[in-house]
């Protein structure tokens, strides 16, 4: 139940995700990363992993509304980051600040509908919750030369003094849009559109060639 212009509105939420008995196919399913990881190099300057089939939910609400912030925290188990370009992680839930009234919530794939339902149950007033899990995927890049690959690929200054652990930016990566988060000193996560996933995978292979690329399944 939600409210629009002080009128009660019933929100219909349907579980559009397959259950665990159905094999999901990530954007890089065709690349057979398990075989690439098994046959490929075991050491190198850059390590690539697709965090496949993660649940992703966009949440929009008024960051100055204490009741909405409290309701979101109750549903997620973690407070929304309200400082620009920041993120928070609690257990298997991560939340990225996207704009003053928008966040990206990332959870294990089979947990997405549970979280989506909880947000609708707790929130009231003017807000938006959209499950975008099917349209995006997450790439994890790490290693001694990961910053070198980022320098080739994005205009963002990724020096630790400008891009510390936990920072999030929505920018371009290899001419495609991406949400980049520094998840460790030598580790970055890229949230990318499904339609650009293959192109970016090929780009990363080429950009990492001089350093050696290790693929993790």
N, C-alpha and C. Protein backbone atom coordinates (compact mmCIF):
# COMPACT_ATOMS: atom_id res chain seq x y z
N UNK A 1 0.84 -1.19 0.00
CA UNK A 1 0.00 0.00 0.00
C UNK A 1 0.88 1.24 0.00
N UNK A 2 0.59 2.17 -0.86
CA UNK A 2 1.34 3.40 -0.99
C UNK A 2 0.37 4.56 -1.03
N UNK A 3 0.89 5.79 -1.01
CA UNK A 3 0.04 6.97 -1.07
C UNK A 3 0.50 7.90 -2.17
N UNK A 4 -0.42 8.38 -2.99
CA UNK A 4 -0.15 9.36 -4.03
C UNK A 4 -1.19 10.45 -3.90
N UNK A 5 -0.74 11.69 -3.72
CA UNK A 5 -1.67 12.81 -3.53
C UNK A 5 -2.66 12.52 -2.40
N UNK A 6 -2.11 11.93 -1.31
CA UNK A 6 -2.90 11.64 -0.10
C UNK A 6 -3.98 10.59 -0.33
N UNK A 7 -3.93 9.88 -1.43
CA UNK A 7 -4.88 8.81 -1.70
C UNK A 7 -4.17 7.46 -1.63
N UNK A 8 -4.82 6.49 -0.99
CA UNK A 8 -4.22 5.16 -0.87
C UNK A 8 -4.18 4.47 -2.23
N UNK A 9 -3.05 3.85 -2.53
CA UNK A 9 -2.88 3.13 -3.79
C UNK A 9 -2.34 1.75 -3.49
N UNK A 10 -2.97 0.71 -4.04
CA UNK A 10 -2.50 -0.65 -3.85
C UNK A 10 -1.44 -0.97 -4.89
N UNK A 11 -0.30 -1.49 -4.43
CA UNK A 11 0.80 -1.83 -5.33
C UNK A 11 0.81 -3.34 -5.54
N UNK A 12 0.74 -3.76 -6.78
CA UNK A 12 0.78 -5.18 -7.10
C UNK A 12 2.22 -5.56 -7.43
N UNK A 13 2.77 -6.50 -6.67
CA UNK A 13 4.15 -6.93 -6.87
C UNK A 13 4.16 -8.40 -7.25
N UNK A 14 4.74 -8.71 -8.42
CA UNK A 14 4.79 -10.09 -8.90
C UNK A 14 6.22 -10.58 -8.96
N UNK A 15 6.43 -11.81 -8.54
CA UNK A 15 7.75 -12.41 -8.60
C UNK A 15 8.03 -12.87 -10.02
N UNK A 16 8.92 -12.14 -10.71
CA UNK A 16 9.24 -12.47 -12.09
C UNK A 16 10.57 -13.21 -12.21
N UNK A 17 11.12 -13.62 -11.07
CA UNK A 17 12.41 -14.31 -11.09
C UNK A 17 12.21 -15.82 -11.03
N UNK A 18 13.05 -16.59 -11.74
CA UNK A 18 12.95 -18.05 -11.66
C UNK A 18 13.39 -18.56 -10.31
N UNK A 19 12.85 -19.72 -9.91
CA UNK A 19 13.30 -20.28 -8.64
C UNK A 19 14.60 -21.07 -8.85
N UNK A 20 15.11 -21.62 -7.78
CA UNK A 20 16.43 -22.26 -7.83
C UNK A 20 16.46 -23.50 -8.73
N UNK A 21 15.31 -24.04 -9.07
CA UNK A 21 15.28 -25.25 -9.90
C UNK A 21 15.47 -24.93 -11.38
N UNK A 22 15.39 -23.67 -11.74
CA UNK A 22 15.53 -23.26 -13.14
C UNK A 22 16.90 -22.63 -13.35
N UNK A 23 17.63 -23.11 -14.34
CA UNK A 23 18.96 -22.59 -14.59
C UNK A 23 18.87 -21.20 -15.21
N UNK A 24 19.45 -20.22 -14.55
CA UNK A 24 19.51 -18.88 -15.10
C UNK A 24 20.72 -18.73 -16.00
N UNK A 25 20.64 -17.87 -16.98
CA UNK A 25 21.75 -17.63 -17.90
C UNK A 25 22.14 -16.17 -17.83
N UNK A 26 23.34 -15.92 -17.37
CA UNK A 26 23.84 -14.55 -17.28
C UNK A 26 24.20 -14.05 -18.67
N UNK A 27 24.48 -12.75 -18.82
CA UNK A 27 24.87 -12.22 -20.13
C UNK A 27 26.11 -12.89 -20.72
N UNK A 28 27.00 -13.41 -19.87
CA UNK A 28 28.21 -14.07 -20.37
C UNK A 28 28.11 -15.60 -20.31
N UNK A 29 26.90 -16.10 -20.25
CA UNK A 29 26.71 -17.56 -20.20
C UNK A 29 27.38 -18.22 -21.39
N UNK A 30 27.25 -17.59 -22.56
CA UNK A 30 27.81 -18.16 -23.79
C UNK A 30 29.33 -18.24 -23.78
N UNK A 31 29.97 -17.42 -22.94
CA UNK A 31 31.44 -17.39 -22.91
C UNK A 31 32.03 -18.56 -22.15
N UNK A 32 31.19 -19.30 -21.41
CA UNK A 32 31.64 -20.47 -20.65
C UNK A 32 32.86 -20.13 -19.80
N UNK A 33 32.69 -19.17 -18.90
CA UNK A 33 33.80 -18.70 -18.09
C UNK A 33 34.40 -19.79 -17.20
N UNK A 34 33.59 -20.78 -16.85
CA UNK A 34 34.13 -21.88 -16.04
C UNK A 34 35.24 -22.62 -16.79
N UNK A 35 35.03 -22.86 -18.08
CA UNK A 35 36.07 -23.53 -18.88
C UNK A 35 37.26 -22.62 -19.11
N UNK A 36 36.98 -21.33 -19.35
CA UNK A 36 38.07 -20.37 -19.54
C UNK A 36 38.94 -20.31 -18.29
N UNK A 37 38.29 -20.28 -17.12
CA UNK A 37 39.03 -20.22 -15.87
C UNK A 37 39.87 -21.47 -15.65
N UNK A 38 39.33 -22.61 -16.02
CA UNK A 38 40.02 -23.88 -15.81
C UNK A 38 41.24 -24.01 -16.72
N UNK A 39 41.09 -23.57 -17.97
CA UNK A 39 42.15 -23.75 -18.96
C UNK A 39 43.12 -22.56 -19.03
N UNK A 40 42.68 -21.40 -18.55
CA UNK A 40 43.47 -20.19 -18.71
C UNK A 40 44.54 -20.01 -17.66
N UNK A 41 45.26 -18.88 -17.72
CA UNK A 41 46.34 -18.59 -16.78
C UNK A 41 45.84 -18.53 -15.34
N UNK A 42 46.71 -18.91 -14.42
CA UNK A 42 46.36 -18.88 -13.00
C UNK A 42 46.98 -17.68 -12.29
N UNK A 43 47.87 -16.98 -12.96
CA UNK A 43 48.47 -15.77 -12.40
C UNK A 43 48.46 -14.67 -13.45
N UNK A 44 48.34 -13.44 -13.00
CA UNK A 44 48.34 -12.30 -13.91
C UNK A 44 48.08 -11.02 -13.14
N UNK A 45 48.17 -9.91 -13.83
CA UNK A 45 48.01 -8.62 -13.18
C UNK A 45 46.57 -8.19 -12.98
N UNK A 46 45.64 -8.86 -13.69
CA UNK A 46 44.22 -8.51 -13.60
C UNK A 46 43.40 -9.78 -13.48
N UNK A 47 42.46 -9.76 -12.57
CA UNK A 47 41.53 -10.90 -12.41
C UNK A 47 40.13 -10.43 -12.71
N UNK A 48 39.41 -11.22 -13.51
CA UNK A 48 38.05 -10.90 -13.92
C UNK A 48 37.07 -11.96 -13.40
N UNK A 49 35.94 -11.50 -12.91
CA UNK A 49 34.88 -12.42 -12.49
C UNK A 49 33.53 -11.76 -12.75
N UNK A 50 32.63 -12.51 -13.35
CA UNK A 50 31.26 -12.01 -13.47
C UNK A 50 30.47 -12.43 -12.24
N UNK A 51 29.96 -11.45 -11.52
CA UNK A 51 29.06 -11.74 -10.40
C UNK A 51 27.68 -11.95 -11.01
N UNK A 52 27.47 -13.15 -11.48
CA UNK A 52 26.31 -13.44 -12.32
C UNK A 52 25.00 -13.55 -11.53
N UNK A 53 23.93 -13.11 -12.17
CA UNK A 53 22.56 -13.32 -11.69
C UNK A 53 22.32 -12.74 -10.30
N UNK A 54 22.90 -11.59 -10.04
CA UNK A 54 22.63 -10.89 -8.79
C UNK A 54 21.30 -10.14 -8.90
N UNK A 55 20.63 -9.98 -7.76
CA UNK A 55 19.41 -9.20 -7.74
C UNK A 55 19.75 -7.73 -7.64
N UNK A 56 19.09 -6.92 -8.47
CA UNK A 56 19.37 -5.48 -8.49
C UNK A 56 18.05 -4.71 -8.49
N UNK A 57 17.94 -3.78 -7.56
CA UNK A 57 16.70 -3.02 -7.37
C UNK A 57 17.04 -1.54 -7.29
N UNK A 58 16.36 -0.74 -8.08
CA UNK A 58 16.52 0.71 -7.94
C UNK A 58 15.45 1.22 -6.98
N UNK A 59 15.87 2.08 -6.09
CA UNK A 59 14.99 2.65 -5.06
C UNK A 59 15.07 4.17 -5.14
N UNK A 60 13.91 4.80 -5.21
CA UNK A 60 13.86 6.26 -5.20
C UNK A 60 12.91 6.72 -4.10
N UNK A 61 13.39 7.67 -3.31
CA UNK A 61 12.58 8.27 -2.25
C UNK A 61 13.20 9.59 -1.84
N UNK A 62 12.55 10.28 -0.93
CA UNK A 62 13.02 11.58 -0.46
C UNK A 62 14.05 11.40 0.65
N UNK A 63 15.29 11.72 0.36
CA UNK A 63 16.36 11.52 1.35
C UNK A 63 16.23 12.43 2.56
N UNK A 64 15.34 13.42 2.50
CA UNK A 64 15.12 14.31 3.64
C UNK A 64 13.92 13.85 4.47
N UNK A 65 13.31 12.75 4.06
CA UNK A 65 12.17 12.20 4.78
C UNK A 65 12.67 11.12 5.74
N UNK A 66 12.73 11.45 7.02
CA UNK A 66 13.28 10.52 8.01
C UNK A 66 12.47 9.23 8.10
N UNK A 67 11.15 9.34 7.93
CA UNK A 67 10.32 8.13 8.00
C UNK A 67 10.63 7.18 6.85
N UNK A 68 10.82 7.72 5.67
CA UNK A 68 11.14 6.86 4.53
C UNK A 68 12.53 6.24 4.69
N UNK A 69 13.48 7.00 5.17
CA UNK A 69 14.82 6.45 5.39
C UNK A 69 14.77 5.33 6.41
N UNK A 70 14.00 5.52 7.47
CA UNK A 70 13.87 4.50 8.50
C UNK A 70 13.19 3.25 7.96
N UNK A 71 12.16 3.45 7.14
CA UNK A 71 11.43 2.31 6.55
C UNK A 71 12.34 1.52 5.61
N UNK A 72 13.13 2.22 4.81
CA UNK A 72 14.05 1.54 3.90
C UNK A 72 15.09 0.75 4.68
N UNK A 73 15.60 1.34 5.75
CA UNK A 73 16.58 0.63 6.58
C UNK A 73 15.97 -0.63 7.20
N UNK A 74 14.73 -0.55 7.62
CA UNK A 74 14.07 -1.71 8.21
C UNK A 74 13.93 -2.83 7.17
N UNK A 75 13.59 -2.46 5.94
CA UNK A 75 13.41 -3.46 4.88
C UNK A 75 14.73 -4.07 4.43
N UNK A 76 15.78 -3.26 4.39
CA UNK A 76 17.06 -3.72 3.84
C UNK A 76 18.01 -4.27 4.89
N UNK A 77 17.84 -3.83 6.14
CA UNK A 77 18.78 -4.23 7.17
C UNK A 77 20.03 -3.38 7.18
N UNK A 78 20.02 -2.29 6.44
CA UNK A 78 21.16 -1.37 6.39
C UNK A 78 20.63 0.01 6.02
N UNK A 79 21.22 1.04 6.58
CA UNK A 79 20.79 2.41 6.29
C UNK A 79 21.27 2.83 4.91
N UNK A 80 20.44 3.58 4.19
CA UNK A 80 20.83 4.08 2.88
C UNK A 80 21.97 5.09 3.04
N UNK A 81 22.98 5.00 2.17
CA UNK A 81 24.03 6.02 2.20
C UNK A 81 23.48 7.33 1.63
N UNK A 82 23.59 8.40 2.38
CA UNK A 82 23.05 9.68 1.91
C UNK A 82 24.14 10.65 1.47
N UNK A 83 25.39 10.29 1.72
CA UNK A 83 26.49 11.11 1.22
C UNK A 83 26.71 10.80 -0.26
N UNK A 84 26.83 11.81 -1.11
CA UNK A 84 27.03 11.56 -2.54
C UNK A 84 28.21 10.65 -2.83
N UNK A 85 28.01 9.77 -3.82
CA UNK A 85 29.07 8.90 -4.35
C UNK A 85 29.60 7.90 -3.34
N UNK A 86 28.76 7.49 -2.39
CA UNK A 86 29.19 6.51 -1.39
C UNK A 86 28.37 5.23 -1.50
N UNK A 87 28.78 4.23 -0.75
CA UNK A 87 28.08 2.94 -0.73
C UNK A 87 28.18 2.34 0.66
N UNK A 88 27.31 1.38 0.93
CA UNK A 88 27.38 0.64 2.19
C UNK A 88 27.20 -0.84 1.89
N UNK A 89 27.79 -1.67 2.73
CA UNK A 89 27.66 -3.12 2.60
C UNK A 89 27.36 -3.70 3.97
N UNK A 90 26.36 -4.55 4.03
CA UNK A 90 26.01 -5.24 5.27
C UNK A 90 25.62 -6.67 4.91
N UNK A 91 26.50 -7.62 5.25
CA UNK A 91 26.22 -9.00 4.88
C UNK A 91 26.19 -9.16 3.38
N UNK A 92 25.09 -9.71 2.86
CA UNK A 92 24.98 -9.92 1.42
C UNK A 92 24.19 -8.81 0.72
N UNK A 93 24.01 -7.69 1.40
CA UNK A 93 23.30 -6.54 0.82
C UNK A 93 24.29 -5.39 0.63
N UNK A 94 24.31 -4.82 -0.58
CA UNK A 94 25.10 -3.61 -0.81
C UNK A 94 24.19 -2.56 -1.43
N UNK A 95 24.43 -1.31 -1.07
CA UNK A 95 23.61 -0.20 -1.57
C UNK A 95 24.53 0.88 -2.10
N UNK A 96 24.29 1.30 -3.34
CA UNK A 96 25.10 2.32 -3.99
C UNK A 96 24.28 3.60 -4.14
N UNK A 97 24.85 4.73 -3.75
CA UNK A 97 24.24 6.03 -3.97
C UNK A 97 24.35 6.36 -5.45
N UNK A 98 23.22 6.68 -6.09
CA UNK A 98 23.22 7.00 -7.52
C UNK A 98 22.97 8.49 -7.75
N UNK A 99 22.04 9.05 -7.00
CA UNK A 99 21.71 10.47 -7.10
C UNK A 99 21.07 10.87 -5.77
N UNK A 100 20.77 12.17 -5.56
CA UNK A 100 20.22 12.58 -4.26
C UNK A 100 18.95 11.85 -3.84
N UNK A 101 18.22 11.26 -4.79
CA UNK A 101 17.00 10.54 -4.41
C UNK A 101 16.94 9.13 -4.99
N UNK A 102 18.09 8.57 -5.33
CA UNK A 102 18.09 7.24 -5.97
C UNK A 102 19.25 6.39 -5.49
N UNK A 103 18.98 5.10 -5.28
CA UNK A 103 19.98 4.13 -4.84
C UNK A 103 19.84 2.85 -5.64
N UNK A 104 20.94 2.12 -5.78
CA UNK A 104 20.92 0.80 -6.37
C UNK A 104 21.19 -0.21 -5.27
N UNK A 105 20.26 -1.12 -5.06
CA UNK A 105 20.38 -2.16 -4.05
C UNK A 105 20.77 -3.46 -4.74
N UNK A 106 21.83 -4.09 -4.28
CA UNK A 106 22.28 -5.36 -4.87
C UNK A 106 22.24 -6.45 -3.81
N UNK A 107 21.58 -7.56 -4.15
CA UNK A 107 21.42 -8.69 -3.23
C UNK A 107 21.58 -9.98 -4.03
N UNK A 108 21.75 -11.12 -3.38
CA UNK A 108 21.75 -12.39 -4.11
C UNK A 108 20.47 -12.53 -4.94
N UNK A 109 20.60 -13.11 -6.12
CA UNK A 109 19.49 -13.15 -7.06
C UNK A 109 18.17 -13.67 -6.51
N UNK A 110 18.23 -14.76 -5.78
CA UNK A 110 16.99 -15.37 -5.27
C UNK A 110 16.40 -14.59 -4.10
N UNK A 111 17.11 -13.56 -3.64
CA UNK A 111 16.62 -12.74 -2.53
C UNK A 111 15.95 -11.46 -3.03
N UNK A 112 16.03 -11.21 -4.32
CA UNK A 112 15.56 -9.93 -4.87
C UNK A 112 14.07 -9.70 -4.64
N UNK A 113 13.26 -10.72 -4.89
CA UNK A 113 11.81 -10.54 -4.73
C UNK A 113 11.45 -10.31 -3.26
N UNK A 114 12.15 -11.00 -2.37
CA UNK A 114 11.93 -10.82 -0.94
C UNK A 114 12.20 -9.37 -0.52
N UNK A 115 13.31 -8.81 -1.02
CA UNK A 115 13.67 -7.43 -0.69
C UNK A 115 12.70 -6.45 -1.32
N UNK A 116 12.35 -6.70 -2.57
CA UNK A 116 11.38 -5.83 -3.26
C UNK A 116 10.06 -5.79 -2.50
N UNK A 117 9.59 -6.94 -2.07
CA UNK A 117 8.33 -7.02 -1.33
C UNK A 117 8.43 -6.29 0.00
N UNK A 118 9.57 -6.46 0.68
CA UNK A 118 9.76 -5.82 1.98
C UNK A 118 9.77 -4.30 1.85
N UNK A 119 10.37 -3.79 0.79
CA UNK A 119 10.40 -2.34 0.58
C UNK A 119 8.99 -1.79 0.38
N UNK A 120 8.19 -2.47 -0.42
CA UNK A 120 6.81 -2.03 -0.63
C UNK A 120 6.00 -2.09 0.66
N UNK A 121 6.29 -3.10 1.47
CA UNK A 121 5.54 -3.27 2.72
C UNK A 121 5.87 -2.18 3.73
N UNK A 122 7.11 -1.72 3.74
CA UNK A 122 7.55 -0.76 4.75
C UNK A 122 7.39 0.69 4.32
N UNK A 123 7.55 0.96 3.04
CA UNK A 123 7.54 2.34 2.57
C UNK A 123 6.13 2.87 2.37
N UNK A 124 5.98 4.17 2.53
CA UNK A 124 4.71 4.84 2.24
C UNK A 124 5.03 6.21 1.66
N UNK A 125 4.03 6.87 1.15
CA UNK A 125 4.25 8.15 0.53
C UNK A 125 4.71 7.99 -0.91
N UNK A 126 5.45 8.95 -1.40
CA UNK A 126 5.89 8.96 -2.80
C UNK A 126 7.26 8.29 -2.89
N UNK A 127 7.33 7.13 -3.53
CA UNK A 127 8.58 6.41 -3.69
C UNK A 127 8.49 5.53 -4.92
N UNK A 128 9.61 4.94 -5.30
CA UNK A 128 9.64 4.03 -6.46
C UNK A 128 10.59 2.88 -6.19
N UNK A 129 10.13 1.67 -6.46
CA UNK A 129 10.95 0.46 -6.33
C UNK A 129 10.83 -0.32 -7.64
N UNK A 130 11.96 -0.55 -8.31
CA UNK A 130 11.94 -1.26 -9.60
C UNK A 130 12.99 -2.36 -9.59
N UNK A 131 12.58 -3.57 -9.88
CA UNK A 131 13.51 -4.70 -9.98
C UNK A 131 14.10 -4.71 -11.39
N UNK A 132 15.40 -4.43 -11.50
CA UNK A 132 16.05 -4.35 -12.81
C UNK A 132 17.02 -5.52 -13.02
N UNK A 133 16.87 -6.57 -12.25
CA UNK A 133 17.84 -7.67 -12.24
C UNK A 133 18.13 -8.23 -13.62
N UNK A 134 17.13 -8.34 -14.47
CA UNK A 134 17.32 -8.98 -15.76
C UNK A 134 18.07 -8.13 -16.77
N UNK A 135 18.21 -6.84 -16.51
CA UNK A 135 18.79 -5.96 -17.51
C UNK A 135 20.25 -5.59 -17.28
N UNK A 136 20.83 -6.06 -16.18
CA UNK A 136 22.19 -5.67 -15.84
C UNK A 136 22.98 -6.86 -15.33
N UNK A 137 24.29 -6.70 -15.28
CA UNK A 137 25.14 -7.69 -14.64
C UNK A 137 26.30 -6.96 -13.97
N UNK A 138 27.08 -7.68 -13.18
CA UNK A 138 28.17 -7.07 -12.43
C UNK A 138 29.48 -7.76 -12.77
N UNK A 139 30.48 -6.96 -13.13
CA UNK A 139 31.83 -7.47 -13.36
C UNK A 139 32.72 -7.04 -12.19
N UNK A 140 33.54 -7.95 -11.72
CA UNK A 140 34.50 -7.63 -10.68
C UNK A 140 35.90 -7.70 -11.29
N UNK A 141 36.64 -6.59 -11.18
CA UNK A 141 38.01 -6.53 -11.66
C UNK A 141 38.94 -6.29 -10.47
N UNK A 142 40.00 -7.05 -10.40
CA UNK A 142 40.94 -6.90 -9.28
C UNK A 142 42.34 -7.22 -9.75
N UNK A 143 43.31 -6.99 -8.86
CA UNK A 143 44.69 -7.34 -9.17
C UNK A 143 45.62 -6.15 -9.16
N UNK A 144 46.91 -6.43 -9.28
CA UNK A 144 47.94 -5.41 -9.19
C UNK A 144 47.83 -4.36 -10.29
N UNK A 145 47.28 -4.74 -11.45
CA UNK A 145 47.20 -3.82 -12.59
C UNK A 145 45.77 -3.38 -12.91
N UNK A 146 44.86 -3.58 -11.96
CA UNK A 146 43.47 -3.23 -12.24
C UNK A 146 43.32 -1.73 -12.49
N UNK A 147 44.06 -0.90 -11.76
CA UNK A 147 43.97 0.55 -11.97
C UNK A 147 44.45 0.92 -13.37
N UNK A 148 45.46 0.22 -13.88
CA UNK A 148 45.95 0.49 -15.23
C UNK A 148 44.86 0.23 -16.27
N UNK A 149 44.09 -0.81 -16.07
CA UNK A 149 42.99 -1.11 -16.98
C UNK A 149 41.89 -0.05 -16.87
N UNK A 150 41.61 0.39 -15.65
CA UNK A 150 40.61 1.45 -15.47
C UNK A 150 41.05 2.73 -16.15
N UNK A 151 42.34 3.05 -16.08
CA UNK A 151 42.85 4.27 -16.71
C UNK A 151 42.66 4.23 -18.23
N UNK A 152 42.72 3.05 -18.81
CA UNK A 152 42.50 2.91 -20.24
C UNK A 152 41.04 3.06 -20.63
N UNK A 153 40.16 2.85 -19.66
CA UNK A 153 38.76 2.60 -19.98
C UNK A 153 37.79 3.69 -19.56
N UNK A 154 38.16 4.53 -18.59
CA UNK A 154 37.22 5.52 -18.08
C UNK A 154 37.92 6.86 -17.85
N UNK A 155 37.14 7.93 -17.90
CA UNK A 155 37.69 9.26 -17.69
C UNK A 155 37.81 9.60 -16.20
N UNK A 156 37.28 8.77 -15.35
CA UNK A 156 37.28 9.03 -13.90
C UNK A 156 38.69 8.85 -13.33
N UNK A 157 39.08 9.75 -12.44
CA UNK A 157 40.35 9.63 -11.75
C UNK A 157 40.23 8.55 -10.68
N UNK A 158 40.93 7.44 -10.87
CA UNK A 158 40.80 6.31 -9.95
C UNK A 158 41.95 6.23 -8.95
N UNK A 159 42.73 7.31 -8.83
CA UNK A 159 43.76 7.33 -7.80
C UNK A 159 43.10 7.24 -6.42
N UNK A 160 43.67 6.47 -5.49
CA UNK A 160 43.04 6.29 -4.17
C UNK A 160 42.69 7.59 -3.46
N UNK A 161 43.45 8.65 -3.71
CA UNK A 161 43.15 9.92 -3.06
C UNK A 161 41.88 10.56 -3.58
N UNK A 162 41.49 10.19 -4.79
CA UNK A 162 40.28 10.72 -5.41
C UNK A 162 39.15 9.69 -5.46
N UNK A 163 39.54 8.42 -5.39
CA UNK A 163 38.56 7.34 -5.52
C UNK A 163 38.84 6.29 -4.45
N UNK A 164 38.47 6.59 -3.20
CA UNK A 164 38.76 5.66 -2.09
C UNK A 164 37.81 4.45 -2.12
N UNK A 165 38.13 3.47 -1.30
CA UNK A 165 37.27 2.28 -1.17
C UNK A 165 35.87 2.72 -0.73
N UNK A 166 34.87 2.18 -1.42
CA UNK A 166 33.49 2.51 -1.11
C UNK A 166 32.88 3.56 -2.01
N UNK A 167 33.71 4.31 -2.73
CA UNK A 167 33.19 5.36 -3.61
C UNK A 167 32.48 4.74 -4.81
N UNK A 168 31.45 5.42 -5.28
CA UNK A 168 30.65 4.97 -6.43
C UNK A 168 30.50 6.12 -7.40
N UNK A 169 30.68 5.85 -8.69
CA UNK A 169 30.40 6.85 -9.72
C UNK A 169 29.61 6.21 -10.85
N UNK A 170 28.73 6.97 -11.43
CA UNK A 170 28.03 6.56 -12.65
C UNK A 170 28.70 7.30 -13.79
N UNK A 171 29.32 6.56 -14.70
CA UNK A 171 30.17 7.20 -15.70
C UNK A 171 30.21 6.33 -16.96
N UNK A 172 31.21 6.57 -17.78
CA UNK A 172 31.40 5.74 -18.96
C UNK A 172 32.59 4.81 -18.75
N UNK A 173 32.48 3.64 -19.33
CA UNK A 173 33.56 2.67 -19.32
C UNK A 173 33.62 2.09 -20.72
N UNK A 174 34.71 2.39 -21.44
CA UNK A 174 34.86 1.91 -22.82
C UNK A 174 33.66 2.30 -23.68
N UNK A 175 33.25 3.56 -23.59
CA UNK A 175 32.16 4.13 -24.39
C UNK A 175 30.78 3.60 -24.01
N UNK A 176 30.71 2.82 -22.94
CA UNK A 176 29.42 2.32 -22.44
C UNK A 176 29.19 2.88 -21.05
N UNK A 177 27.93 2.97 -20.65
CA UNK A 177 27.63 3.41 -19.30
C UNK A 177 27.96 2.33 -18.28
N UNK A 178 28.37 2.73 -17.09
CA UNK A 178 28.67 1.78 -16.03
C UNK A 178 28.59 2.48 -14.69
N UNK A 179 28.21 1.72 -13.67
CA UNK A 179 28.26 2.20 -12.29
C UNK A 179 29.48 1.51 -11.67
N UNK A 180 30.49 2.30 -11.33
CA UNK A 180 31.76 1.76 -10.85
C UNK A 180 31.89 2.00 -9.36
N UNK A 181 32.19 0.95 -8.63
CA UNK A 181 32.41 1.06 -7.18
C UNK A 181 33.76 0.46 -6.83
N UNK A 182 34.52 1.17 -6.02
CA UNK A 182 35.78 0.60 -5.54
C UNK A 182 35.46 -0.24 -4.31
N UNK A 183 35.57 -1.54 -4.45
CA UNK A 183 35.20 -2.45 -3.37
C UNK A 183 36.40 -2.90 -2.54
N UNK A 184 37.60 -2.53 -2.97
CA UNK A 184 38.81 -2.85 -2.23
C UNK A 184 39.95 -2.02 -2.78
N UNK A 185 41.10 -2.07 -2.12
CA UNK A 185 42.24 -1.27 -2.58
C UNK A 185 42.59 -1.57 -4.02
N UNK A 186 42.53 -2.84 -4.40
CA UNK A 186 42.85 -3.25 -5.77
C UNK A 186 41.68 -4.03 -6.37
N UNK A 187 40.46 -3.55 -6.10
CA UNK A 187 39.27 -4.27 -6.58
C UNK A 187 38.15 -3.28 -6.91
N UNK A 188 37.54 -3.46 -8.07
CA UNK A 188 36.44 -2.61 -8.51
C UNK A 188 35.28 -3.48 -8.99
N UNK A 189 34.07 -2.97 -8.81
CA UNK A 189 32.87 -3.63 -9.34
C UNK A 189 32.24 -2.71 -10.38
N UNK A 190 31.87 -3.28 -11.51
CA UNK A 190 31.22 -2.54 -12.58
C UNK A 190 29.82 -3.10 -12.79
N UNK A 191 28.81 -2.27 -12.62
CA UNK A 191 27.44 -2.66 -12.95
C UNK A 191 27.19 -2.19 -14.37
N UNK A 192 26.95 -3.14 -15.28
CA UNK A 192 26.83 -2.81 -16.71
C UNK A 192 25.55 -3.39 -17.30
N UNK A 193 25.08 -2.75 -18.35
CA UNK A 193 23.87 -3.21 -19.01
C UNK A 193 24.11 -4.54 -19.72
N UNK A 194 23.10 -5.38 -19.71
CA UNK A 194 23.16 -6.68 -20.39
C UNK A 194 23.52 -6.51 -21.86
N UNK A 195 22.96 -5.49 -22.50
CA UNK A 195 23.16 -5.31 -23.93
C UNK A 195 24.61 -4.96 -24.28
N UNK A 196 25.39 -4.45 -23.30
CA UNK A 196 26.79 -4.13 -23.55
C UNK A 196 27.74 -5.13 -22.90
N UNK A 197 27.20 -6.16 -22.28
CA UNK A 197 28.03 -7.08 -21.49
C UNK A 197 29.10 -7.77 -22.33
N UNK A 198 28.74 -8.26 -23.49
CA UNK A 198 29.70 -8.98 -24.32
C UNK A 198 30.78 -8.04 -24.85
N UNK A 199 30.36 -6.86 -25.30
CA UNK A 199 31.32 -5.87 -25.78
C UNK A 199 32.34 -5.51 -24.70
N UNK A 200 31.86 -5.29 -23.48
CA UNK A 200 32.76 -4.92 -22.40
C UNK A 200 33.67 -6.06 -21.99
N UNK A 201 33.19 -7.28 -22.06
CA UNK A 201 34.01 -8.45 -21.77
C UNK A 201 35.16 -8.53 -22.78
N UNK A 202 34.88 -8.28 -24.06
CA UNK A 202 35.92 -8.28 -25.08
C UNK A 202 36.90 -7.13 -24.85
N UNK A 203 36.37 -5.98 -24.47
CA UNK A 203 37.24 -4.82 -24.19
C UNK A 203 38.20 -5.13 -23.04
N UNK A 204 37.66 -5.70 -21.98
CA UNK A 204 38.49 -6.01 -20.81
C UNK A 204 39.59 -7.01 -21.17
N UNK A 205 39.26 -7.99 -21.99
CA UNK A 205 40.29 -8.94 -22.42
C UNK A 205 41.42 -8.22 -23.14
N UNK A 206 41.07 -7.30 -24.03
CA UNK A 206 42.09 -6.60 -24.79
C UNK A 206 42.89 -5.64 -23.91
N UNK A 207 42.19 -4.90 -23.04
CA UNK A 207 42.85 -3.91 -22.18
C UNK A 207 43.77 -4.57 -21.16
N UNK A 208 43.50 -5.84 -20.84
CA UNK A 208 44.29 -6.56 -19.83
C UNK A 208 45.41 -7.39 -20.43
N UNK A 209 45.47 -7.43 -21.74
CA UNK A 209 46.38 -8.36 -22.41
C UNK A 209 47.84 -8.19 -21.96
N UNK A 210 48.31 -6.95 -21.84
CA UNK A 210 49.72 -6.74 -21.51
C UNK A 210 50.05 -7.09 -20.06
N UNK A 211 49.04 -7.20 -19.21
CA UNK A 211 49.28 -7.49 -17.79
C UNK A 211 49.04 -8.94 -17.44
N UNK A 212 48.31 -9.65 -18.30
CA UNK A 212 47.93 -11.02 -18.02
C UNK A 212 46.58 -11.05 -17.34
N UNK A 213 45.62 -11.76 -17.92
CA UNK A 213 44.26 -11.80 -17.39
C UNK A 213 43.94 -13.17 -16.82
N UNK A 214 43.50 -13.19 -15.58
CA UNK A 214 43.05 -14.41 -14.91
C UNK A 214 41.54 -14.35 -14.80
N UNK A 215 40.87 -15.40 -15.24
CA UNK A 215 39.40 -15.46 -15.17
C UNK A 215 39.00 -16.38 -14.04
N UNK A 216 38.10 -15.89 -13.22
CA UNK A 216 37.51 -16.72 -12.16
C UNK A 216 36.08 -17.06 -12.51
N UNK A 217 35.70 -18.30 -12.30
CA UNK A 217 34.34 -18.74 -12.62
C UNK A 217 33.39 -18.26 -11.54
